All heavy atoms as atom14 arrays in JSON, in Angstrom:
{
  "sequence": "TITWNGGDTYYASSVKGRFTISRDNAKNTVYLQMNSLESEDTA",
  "atom14_mask": [
    [1, 1, 1, 1, 1, 1, 1, 0, 0, 0, 0, 0, 0, 0],
    [1, 1, 1, 1, 1, 1, 1, 1, 0, 0, 0, 0, 0, 0],
    [1, 1, 1, 1, 1, 1, 1, 0, 0, 0, 0, 0, 0, 0],
    [1, 1, 1, 1, 1, 1, 1, 1, 1, 1, 1, 1, 1, 1],
    [1, 1, 1, 1, 1, 1, 1, 1, 0, 0, 0, 0, 0, 0],
    [1, 1, 1, 1, 0, 0, 0, 0, 0, 0, 0, 0, 0, 0],
    [1, 1, 1, 1, 0, 0, 0, 0, 0, 0, 0, 0, 0, 0],
    [1, 1, 1, 1, 1, 1, 1, 1, 0, 0, 0, 0, 0, 0],
    [1, 1, 1, 1, 1, 1, 1, 0, 0, 0, 0, 0, 0, 0],
    [1, 1, 1, 1, 1, 1, 1, 1, 1, 1, 1, 1, 0, 0],
    [1, 1, 1, 1, 1, 1, 1, 1, 1, 1, 1, 1, 0, 0],
    [1, 1, 1, 1, 1, 0, 0, 0, 0, 0, 0, 0, 0, 0],
    [1, 1, 1, 1, 1, 1, 0, 0, 0, 0, 0, 0, 0, 0],
    [1, 1, 1, 1, 1, 1, 0, 0, 0, 0, 0, 0, 0, 0],
    [1, 1, 1, 1, 1, 1, 1, 0, 0, 0, 0, 0, 0, 0],
    [1, 1, 1, 1, 1, 1, 1, 1, 1, 0, 0, 0, 0, 0],
    [1, 1, 1, 1, 0, 0, 0, 0, 0, 0, 0, 0, 0, 0],
    [1, 1, 1, 1, 1, 1, 1, 1, 1, 1, 1, 0, 0, 0],
    [1, 1, 1, 1, 1, 1, 1, 1, 1, 1, 1, 0, 0, 0],
    [1, 1, 1, 1, 1, 1, 1, 0, 0, 0, 0, 0, 0, 0],
    [1, 1, 1, 1, 1, 1, 1, 1, 0, 0, 0, 0, 0, 0],
    [1, 1, 1, 1, 1, 1, 0, 0, 0, 0, 0, 0, 0, 0],
    [1, 1, 1, 1, 1, 1, 1, 1, 1, 1, 1, 0, 0, 0],
    [1, 1, 1, 1, 1, 1, 1, 1, 0, 0, 0, 0, 0, 0],
    [1, 1, 1, 1, 1, 1, 1, 1, 0, 0, 0, 0, 0, 0],
    [1, 1, 1, 1, 1, 0, 0, 0, 0, 0, 0, 0, 0, 0],
    [1, 1, 1, 1, 1, 1, 1, 1, 1, 0, 0, 0, 0, 0],
    [1, 1, 1, 1, 1, 1, 1, 1, 0, 0, 0, 0, 0, 0],
    [1, 1, 1, 1, 1, 1, 1, 0, 0, 0, 0, 0, 0, 0],
    [1, 1, 1, 1, 1, 1, 1, 0, 0, 0, 0, 0, 0, 0],
    [1, 1, 1, 1, 1, 1, 1, 1, 1, 1, 1, 1, 0, 0],
    [1, 1, 1, 1, 1, 1, 1, 1, 0, 0, 0, 0, 0, 0],
    [1, 1, 1, 1, 1, 1, 1, 1, 1, 0, 0, 0, 0, 0],
    [1, 1, 1, 1, 1, 1, 1, 1, 0, 0, 0, 0, 0, 0],
    [1, 1, 1, 1, 1, 1, 1, 1, 0, 0, 0, 0, 0, 0],
    [1, 1, 1, 1, 1, 1, 0, 0, 0, 0, 0, 0, 0, 0],
    [1, 1, 1, 1, 1, 1, 1, 1, 0, 0, 0, 0, 0, 0],
    [1, 1, 1, 1, 1, 1, 1, 1, 1, 0, 0, 0, 0, 0],
    [1, 1, 1, 1, 1, 1, 0, 0, 0, 0, 0, 0, 0, 0],
    [1, 1, 1, 1, 1, 1, 1, 1, 1, 0, 0, 0, 0, 0],
    [1, 1, 1, 1, 1, 1, 1, 1, 0, 0, 0, 0, 0, 0],
    [1, 1, 1, 1, 1, 1, 1, 0, 0, 0, 0, 0, 0, 0],
    [1, 1, 1, 1, 1, 0, 0, 0, 0, 0, 0, 0, 0, 0]
  ],
  "atom14_positions": [
    [[-70.28, 89.67, -50.16], [-68.96, 89.36, -50.69], [-68.5, 90.47, -51.61], [-69.32, 91.21, -52.17], [-68.95, 88.01, -51.44], [-67.61, 87.67, -51.81], [-69.83, 88.06, -52.68], [0.0, 0.0, 0.0], [0.0, 0.0, 0.0], [0.0, 0.0, 0.0], [0.0, 0.0, 0.0], [0.0, 0.0, 0.0], [0.0, 0.0, 0.0], [0.0, 0.0, 0.0]],
    [[-67.18, 90.59, -51.77], [-66.6, 91.6, -52.63], [-65.28, 91.07, -53.18], [-64.56, 90.35, -52.49], [-66.38, 92.94, -51.88], [-65.95, 94.05, -52.83], [-65.35, 92.76, -50.76], [-65.97, 95.43, -52.2], [0.0, 0.0, 0.0], [0.0, 0.0, 0.0], [0.0, 0.0, 0.0], [0.0, 0.0, 0.0], [0.0, 0.0, 0.0], [0.0, 0.0, 0.0]],
    [[-64.96, 91.42, -54.43], [-63.67, 91.07, -55.01], [-62.7, 92.22, -54.81], [-63.08, 93.39, -54.79], [-63.8, 90.76, -56.51], [-64.35, 91.88, -57.21], [-64.69, 89.55, -56.73], [0.0, 0.0, 0.0], [0.0, 0.0, 0.0], [0.0, 0.0, 0.0], [0.0, 0.0, 0.0], [0.0, 0.0, 0.0], [0.0, 0.0, 0.0], [0.0, 0.0, 0.0]],
    [[-61.42, 91.87, -54.67], [-60.41, 92.89, -54.39], [-60.15, 93.79, -55.59], [-60.07, 95.01, -55.44], [-59.1, 92.23, -53.96], [-59.09, 91.83, -52.53], [-59.17, 90.56, -52.04], [-59.0, 92.69, -51.4], [-59.13, 90.58, -50.67], [-59.02, 91.87, -50.25], [-58.89, 94.08, -51.25], [-58.95, 92.41, -48.96], [-58.82, 94.6, -49.96], [-58.85, 93.77, -48.84]],
    [[-60.01, 93.21, -56.76], [-59.64, 94.0, -57.93], [-60.79, 94.81, -58.49], [-60.69, 96.04, -58.62], [-59.05, 93.09, -59.01], [-57.66, 92.61, -58.68], [-56.94, 93.22, -57.89], [-57.26, 91.5, -59.29], [0.0, 0.0, 0.0], [0.0, 0.0, 0.0], [0.0, 0.0, 0.0], [0.0, 0.0, 0.0], [0.0, 0.0, 0.0], [0.0, 0.0, 0.0]],
    [[-61.87, 94.16, -58.83], [-62.98, 94.85, -59.47], [-63.97, 95.48, -58.52], [-64.75, 96.35, -58.93], [0.0, 0.0, 0.0], [0.0, 0.0, 0.0], [0.0, 0.0, 0.0], [0.0, 0.0, 0.0], [0.0, 0.0, 0.0], [0.0, 0.0, 0.0], [0.0, 0.0, 0.0], [0.0, 0.0, 0.0], [0.0, 0.0, 0.0], [0.0, 0.0, 0.0]],
    [[-63.97, 95.05, -57.25], [-64.94, 95.58, -56.3], [-66.36, 95.11, -56.55], [-67.31, 95.77, -56.12], [0.0, 0.0, 0.0], [0.0, 0.0, 0.0], [0.0, 0.0, 0.0], [0.0, 0.0, 0.0], [0.0, 0.0, 0.0], [0.0, 0.0, 0.0], [0.0, 0.0, 0.0], [0.0, 0.0, 0.0], [0.0, 0.0, 0.0], [0.0, 0.0, 0.0]],
    [[-66.52, 93.99, -57.24], [-67.85, 93.45, -57.49], [-68.46, 92.95, -56.19], [-67.8, 92.25, -55.42], [-67.78, 92.32, -58.51], [-67.12, 92.74, -59.8], [-67.6, 93.7, -60.42], [-66.12, 92.1, -60.19], [0.0, 0.0, 0.0], [0.0, 0.0, 0.0], [0.0, 0.0, 0.0], [0.0, 0.0, 0.0], [0.0, 0.0, 0.0], [0.0, 0.0, 0.0]],
    [[-69.72, 93.28, -55.96], [-70.39, 92.93, -54.7], [-71.64, 92.11, -54.94], [-72.25, 92.17, -56.01], [-70.76, 94.18, -53.9], [-71.67, 94.98, -54.67], [-69.53, 95.0, -53.57], [0.0, 0.0, 0.0], [0.0, 0.0, 0.0], [0.0, 0.0, 0.0], [0.0, 0.0, 0.0], [0.0, 0.0, 0.0], [0.0, 0.0, 0.0], [0.0, 0.0, 0.0]],
    [[-72.01, 91.36, -53.91], [-73.26, 90.62, -53.91], [-73.72, 90.49, -52.47], [-72.91, 90.25, -51.58], [-73.1, 89.23, -54.55], [-74.41, 88.51, -54.71], [-75.21, 88.74, -55.82], [-74.86, 87.62, -53.74], [-76.43, 88.1, -55.96], [-76.07, 86.97, -53.87], [-76.85, 87.22, -54.99], [-78.06, 86.58, -55.13], [0.0, 0.0, 0.0], [0.0, 0.0, 0.0]],
    [[-75.04, 90.64, -52.26], [-75.6, 90.64, -50.92], [-76.69, 89.59, -50.78], [-77.42, 89.29, -51.73], [-76.21, 92.0, -50.58], [-75.23, 93.14, -50.59], [-74.97, 93.85, -51.76], [-74.57, 93.51, -49.43], [-74.08, 94.9, -51.77], [-73.67, 94.57, -49.43], [-73.43, 95.25, -50.61], [-72.55, 96.3, -50.61], [0.0, 0.0, 0.0], [0.0, 0.0, 0.0]],
    [[-76.82, 89.07, -49.57], [-77.97, 88.25, -49.24], [-79.22, 89.12, -49.27], [-79.17, 90.31, -48.92], [-77.8, 87.6, -47.88], [0.0, 0.0, 0.0], [0.0, 0.0, 0.0], [0.0, 0.0, 0.0], [0.0, 0.0, 0.0], [0.0, 0.0, 0.0], [0.0, 0.0, 0.0], [0.0, 0.0, 0.0], [0.0, 0.0, 0.0], [0.0, 0.0, 0.0]],
    [[-80.33, 88.55, -49.67], [-81.56, 89.32, -49.76], [-81.98, 89.91, -48.41], [-82.61, 90.97, -48.37], [-82.68, 88.45, -50.32], [-82.92, 87.32, -49.5], [0.0, 0.0, 0.0], [0.0, 0.0, 0.0], [0.0, 0.0, 0.0], [0.0, 0.0, 0.0], [0.0, 0.0, 0.0], [0.0, 0.0, 0.0], [0.0, 0.0, 0.0], [0.0, 0.0, 0.0]],
    [[-81.62, 89.26, -47.32], [-82.02, 89.72, -46.0], [-81.34, 91.02, -45.58], [-81.83, 91.69, -44.67], [-81.74, 88.63, -44.96], [-80.37, 88.29, -44.94], [0.0, 0.0, 0.0], [0.0, 0.0, 0.0], [0.0, 0.0, 0.0], [0.0, 0.0, 0.0], [0.0, 0.0, 0.0], [0.0, 0.0, 0.0], [0.0, 0.0, 0.0], [0.0, 0.0, 0.0]],
    [[-80.23, 91.37, -46.22], [-79.5, 92.57, -45.82], [-79.38, 93.59, -46.95], [-78.91, 94.71, -46.71], [-78.09, 92.23, -45.31], [-78.16, 91.21, -44.18], [-77.2, 91.71, -46.44], [0.0, 0.0, 0.0], [0.0, 0.0, 0.0], [0.0, 0.0, 0.0], [0.0, 0.0, 0.0], [0.0, 0.0, 0.0], [0.0, 0.0, 0.0], [0.0, 0.0, 0.0]],
    [[-79.8, 93.24, -48.14], [-79.68, 94.14, -49.28], [-80.44, 95.44, -49.02], [-81.58, 95.42, -48.59], [-80.18, 93.47, -50.55], [-79.94, 94.26, -51.82], [-80.37, 93.46, -53.05], [-79.53, 92.21, -53.21], [-79.87, 91.47, -54.46], [0.0, 0.0, 0.0], [0.0, 0.0, 0.0], [0.0, 0.0, 0.0], [0.0, 0.0, 0.0], [0.0, 0.0, 0.0]],
    [[-79.78, 96.56, -49.28], [-80.36, 97.86, -49.03], [-80.06, 98.42, -47.66], [-80.24, 99.62, -47.44], [0.0, 0.0, 0.0], [0.0, 0.0, 0.0], [0.0, 0.0, 0.0], [0.0, 0.0, 0.0], [0.0, 0.0, 0.0], [0.0, 0.0, 0.0], [0.0, 0.0, 0.0], [0.0, 0.0, 0.0], [0.0, 0.0, 0.0], [0.0, 0.0, 0.0]],
    [[-79.62, 97.57, -46.73], [-79.27, 98.01, -45.38], [-77.77, 97.93, -45.11], [-77.23, 98.76, -44.39], [-80.02, 97.19, -44.34], [-81.54, 97.29, -44.45], [-82.22, 96.59, -43.27], [-81.92, 95.17, -43.23], [-81.31, 94.55, -42.22], [-80.94, 95.25, -41.15], [-81.1, 93.25, -42.26], [0.0, 0.0, 0.0], [0.0, 0.0, 0.0], [0.0, 0.0, 0.0]],
    [[-77.12, 96.91, -45.66], [-75.69, 96.68, -45.43], [-74.9, 97.05, -46.68], [-75.38, 96.9, -47.81], [-75.41, 95.22, -45.1], [-75.92, 94.76, -43.76], [-76.78, 95.54, -43.0], [-75.53, 93.53, -43.27], [-77.25, 95.1, -41.77], [-75.99, 93.07, -42.04], [-76.84, 93.86, -41.29], [0.0, 0.0, 0.0], [0.0, 0.0, 0.0], [0.0, 0.0, 0.0]],
    [[-73.67, 97.5, -46.48], [-72.77, 97.82, -47.58], [-71.4, 97.24, -47.29], [-70.81, 97.51, -46.24], [-72.64, 99.33, -47.8], [-73.93, 99.89, -48.06], [-71.73, 99.62, -48.99], [0.0, 0.0, 0.0], [0.0, 0.0, 0.0], [0.0, 0.0, 0.0], [0.0, 0.0, 0.0], [0.0, 0.0, 0.0], [0.0, 0.0, 0.0], [0.0, 0.0, 0.0]],
    [[-70.88, 96.44, -48.22], [-69.53, 95.9, -48.09], [-68.6, 96.75, -48.95], [-68.95, 97.16, -50.05], [-69.47, 94.41, -48.5], [-68.09, 93.82, -48.21], [-69.84, 94.23, -49.97], [-68.03, 92.3, -48.39], [0.0, 0.0, 0.0], [0.0, 0.0, 0.0], [0.0, 0.0, 0.0], [0.0, 0.0, 0.0], [0.0, 0.0, 0.0], [0.0, 0.0, 0.0]],
    [[-67.41, 97.02, -48.44], [-66.43, 97.82, -49.16], [-65.04, 97.36, -48.78], [-64.87, 96.57, -47.84], [-66.6, 99.32, -48.88], [-66.41, 99.6, -47.5], [0.0, 0.0, 0.0], [0.0, 0.0, 0.0], [0.0, 0.0, 0.0], [0.0, 0.0, 0.0], [0.0, 0.0, 0.0], [0.0, 0.0, 0.0], [0.0, 0.0, 0.0], [0.0, 0.0, 0.0]],
    [[-64.04, 97.85, -49.51], [-62.67, 97.46, -49.19], [-61.71, 98.62, -49.42], [-61.96, 99.5, -50.24], [-62.25, 96.22, -49.99], [-61.62, 96.46, -51.36], [-62.61, 96.91, -52.38], [-62.11, 96.71, -53.74], [-62.33, 97.54, -54.75], [-63.07, 98.63, -54.57], [-61.85, 97.26, -55.95], [0.0, 0.0, 0.0], [0.0, 0.0, 0.0], [0.0, 0.0, 0.0]],
    [[-60.61, 98.6, -48.68], [-59.51, 99.54, -48.83], [-58.3, 98.7, -49.19], [-57.69, 98.06, -48.33], [-59.28, 100.33, -47.54], [-58.24, 101.42, -47.7], [-57.32, 101.26, -48.54], [-58.33, 102.43, -46.99], [0.0, 0.0, 0.0], [0.0, 0.0, 0.0], [0.0, 0.0, 0.0], [0.0, 0.0, 0.0], [0.0, 0.0, 0.0], [0.0, 0.0, 0.0]],
    [[-57.94, 98.68, -50.47], [-56.86, 97.82, -50.94], [-55.53, 98.17, -50.3], [-54.73, 97.29, -49.99], [-56.76, 97.91, -52.46], [-57.94, 97.3, -53.18], [-57.92, 96.13, -53.55], [-58.99, 98.09, -53.37], [0.0, 0.0, 0.0], [0.0, 0.0, 0.0], [0.0, 0.0, 0.0], [0.0, 0.0, 0.0], [0.0, 0.0, 0.0], [0.0, 0.0, 0.0]],
    [[-55.26, 99.45, -50.1], [-53.99, 99.87, -49.51], [-53.84, 99.37, -48.09], [-52.72, 99.13, -47.63], [-53.87, 101.39, -49.56], [0.0, 0.0, 0.0], [0.0, 0.0, 0.0], [0.0, 0.0, 0.0], [0.0, 0.0, 0.0], [0.0, 0.0, 0.0], [0.0, 0.0, 0.0], [0.0, 0.0, 0.0], [0.0, 0.0, 0.0], [0.0, 0.0, 0.0]],
    [[-54.94, 99.23, -47.37], [-54.9, 98.78, -45.98], [-55.22, 97.3, -45.82], [-55.21, 96.79, -44.7], [-55.89, 99.59, -45.14], [-55.55, 101.06, -45.03], [-56.56, 101.77, -44.14], [-56.2, 103.24, -43.97], [-57.17, 103.95, -43.1], [0.0, 0.0, 0.0], [0.0, 0.0, 0.0], [0.0, 0.0, 0.0], [0.0, 0.0, 0.0], [0.0, 0.0, 0.0]],
    [[-55.5, 96.62, -46.93], [-55.89, 95.21, -46.87], [-57.03, 94.99, -45.87], [-57.01, 94.05, -45.07], [-54.7, 94.32, -46.53], [-53.7, 94.23, -47.65], [-54.07, 94.12, -48.82], [-52.42, 94.24, -47.32], [0.0, 0.0, 0.0], [0.0, 0.0, 0.0], [0.0, 0.0, 0.0], [0.0, 0.0, 0.0], [0.0, 0.0, 0.0], [0.0, 0.0, 0.0]],
    [[-58.0, 95.86, -45.93], [-59.1, 95.84, -44.97], [-60.43, 95.86, -45.69], [-60.61, 96.61, -46.66], [-59.01, 97.03, -44.0], [-57.77, 96.97, -43.29], [-60.16, 97.0, -43.0], [0.0, 0.0, 0.0], [0.0, 0.0, 0.0], [0.0, 0.0, 0.0], [0.0, 0.0, 0.0], [0.0, 0.0, 0.0], [0.0, 0.0, 0.0], [0.0, 0.0, 0.0]],
    [[-61.36, 95.06, -45.21], [-62.72, 95.01, -45.73], [-63.66, 95.47, -44.63], [-63.45, 95.18, -43.45], [-63.08, 93.59, -46.2], [-64.55, 93.49, -46.57], [-62.22, 93.2, -47.39], [0.0, 0.0, 0.0], [0.0, 0.0, 0.0], [0.0, 0.0, 0.0], [0.0, 0.0, 0.0], [0.0, 0.0, 0.0], [0.0, 0.0, 0.0], [0.0, 0.0, 0.0]],
    [[-64.72, 96.18, -45.02], [-65.66, 96.74, -44.08], [-67.07, 96.23, -44.36], [-67.41, 95.86, -45.47], [-65.67, 98.27, -44.16], [-64.31, 98.9, -44.0], [-63.53, 99.2, -45.11], [-63.81, 99.18, -42.73], [-62.28, 99.78, -44.97], [-62.56, 99.75, -42.58], [-61.8, 100.05, -43.7], [-60.56, 100.61, -43.55], [0.0, 0.0, 0.0], [0.0, 0.0, 0.0]],
    [[-67.89, 96.27, -43.33], [-69.3, 95.99, -43.46], [-70.07, 97.07, -42.71], [-70.1, 97.07, -41.48], [-69.67, 94.6, -42.92], [-71.12, 94.18, -43.14], [-71.39, 93.95, -44.63], [-71.45, 92.91, -42.35], [0.0, 0.0, 0.0], [0.0, 0.0, 0.0], [0.0, 0.0, 0.0], [0.0, 0.0, 0.0], [0.0, 0.0, 0.0], [0.0, 0.0, 0.0]],
    [[-70.63, 98.01, -43.45], [-71.45, 99.06, -42.87], [-72.87, 98.54, -42.73], [-73.5, 98.17, -43.71], [-71.42, 100.31, -43.74], [-72.3, 101.45, -43.24], [-71.81, 102.03, -41.95], [-70.66, 102.42, -41.83], [-72.69, 102.09, -40.95], [0.0, 0.0, 0.0], [0.0, 0.0, 0.0], [0.0, 0.0, 0.0], [0.0, 0.0, 0.0], [0.0, 0.0, 0.0]],
    [[-73.38, 98.53, -41.5], [-74.69, 97.98, -41.22], [-75.59, 99.1, -40.72], [-75.32, 99.71, -39.68], [-74.61, 96.86, -40.18], [-73.65, 95.75, -40.56], [-73.65, 94.38, -39.37], [-72.95, 95.21, -37.94], [0.0, 0.0, 0.0], [0.0, 0.0, 0.0], [0.0, 0.0, 0.0], [0.0, 0.0, 0.0], [0.0, 0.0, 0.0], [0.0, 0.0, 0.0]],
    [[-76.66, 99.37, -41.45], [-77.63, 100.39, -41.1], [-79.0, 99.76, -40.86], [-79.26, 98.63, -41.27], [-77.73, 101.44, -42.2], [-76.44, 102.17, -42.45], [-75.68, 102.44, -41.52], [-76.18, 102.52, -43.71], [0.0, 0.0, 0.0], [0.0, 0.0, 0.0], [0.0, 0.0, 0.0], [0.0, 0.0, 0.0], [0.0, 0.0, 0.0], [0.0, 0.0, 0.0]],
    [[-79.87, 100.51, -40.22], [-81.23, 100.05, -39.94], [-81.23, 98.66, -39.33], [-81.97, 97.76, -39.75], [-82.07, 100.07, -41.22], [-82.13, 101.37, -41.77], [0.0, 0.0, 0.0], [0.0, 0.0, 0.0], [0.0, 0.0, 0.0], [0.0, 0.0, 0.0], [0.0, 0.0, 0.0], [0.0, 0.0, 0.0], [0.0, 0.0, 0.0], [0.0, 0.0, 0.0]],
    [[-80.41, 98.47, -38.32], [-80.24, 97.16, -37.72], [-81.52, 96.68, -37.04], [-82.26, 97.47, -36.45], [-79.1, 97.18, -36.72], [-77.7, 97.18, -37.35], [-76.65, 97.6, -36.34], [-77.39, 95.79, -37.91], [0.0, 0.0, 0.0], [0.0, 0.0, 0.0], [0.0, 0.0, 0.0], [0.0, 0.0, 0.0], [0.0, 0.0, 0.0], [0.0, 0.0, 0.0]],
    [[-81.76, 95.39, -37.14], [-82.92, 94.74, -36.57], [-82.46, 93.66, -35.59], [-81.32, 93.21, -35.64], [-83.79, 94.13, -37.67], [-84.18, 95.1, -38.76], [-84.72, 94.43, -40.0], [-84.7, 93.18, -40.06], [-85.16, 95.14, -40.92], [0.0, 0.0, 0.0], [0.0, 0.0, 0.0], [0.0, 0.0, 0.0], [0.0, 0.0, 0.0], [0.0, 0.0, 0.0]],
    [[-83.37, 93.24, -34.73], [-83.02, 92.2, -33.77], [-82.58, 90.92, -34.47], [-81.75, 90.17, -33.94], [-84.2, 91.91, -32.83], [-85.34, 91.47, -33.56], [0.0, 0.0, 0.0], [0.0, 0.0, 0.0], [0.0, 0.0, 0.0], [0.0, 0.0, 0.0], [0.0, 0.0, 0.0], [0.0, 0.0, 0.0], [0.0, 0.0, 0.0], [0.0, 0.0, 0.0]],
    [[-83.12, 90.67, -35.64], [-82.76, 89.48, -36.4], [-81.32, 89.51, -36.9], [-80.8, 88.48, -37.36], [-83.71, 89.29, -37.59], [-85.14, 88.96, -37.2], [-85.94, 90.17, -36.74], [-85.47, 91.31, -36.92], [-87.03, 89.97, -36.18], [0.0, 0.0, 0.0], [0.0, 0.0, 0.0], [0.0, 0.0, 0.0], [0.0, 0.0, 0.0], [0.0, 0.0, 0.0]],
    [[-80.66, 90.67, -36.84], [-79.26, 90.77, -37.24], [-78.3, 90.35, -36.15], [-77.09, 90.3, -36.38], [-78.94, 92.2, -37.67], [-79.75, 92.65, -38.88], [-79.86, 91.86, -39.84], [-80.26, 93.79, -38.87], [0.0, 0.0, 0.0], [0.0, 0.0, 0.0], [0.0, 0.0, 0.0], [0.0, 0.0, 0.0], [0.0, 0.0, 0.0], [0.0, 0.0, 0.0]],
    [[-78.8, 90.07, -34.96], [-77.95, 89.63, -33.86], [-77.26, 88.32, -34.21], [-77.92, 87.33, -34.53], [-78.78, 89.47, -32.58], [-79.29, 90.74, -32.16], [-77.93, 88.88, -31.46], [0.0, 0.0, 0.0], [0.0, 0.0, 0.0], [0.0, 0.0, 0.0], [0.0, 0.0, 0.0], [0.0, 0.0, 0.0], [0.0, 0.0, 0.0], [0.0, 0.0, 0.0]],
    [[-75.93, 88.32, -34.16], [-75.16, 87.14, -34.54], [-73.68, 87.41, -34.33], [-73.27, 88.55, -34.06], [-75.41, 86.76, -36.0], [0.0, 0.0, 0.0], [0.0, 0.0, 0.0], [0.0, 0.0, 0.0], [0.0, 0.0, 0.0], [0.0, 0.0, 0.0], [0.0, 0.0, 0.0], [0.0, 0.0, 0.0], [0.0, 0.0, 0.0], [0.0, 0.0, 0.0]]
  ]
}
């Protein structure tokens, strides 16, 4: 999760260190960068 104004983030323990959430306020768009993907990430 991420807040629009402050950009505060929090991650589930299962993805911490591998996934990054970010946002582009001008585009009203949120991203999820997923690295080191595992079969358990299938969903």
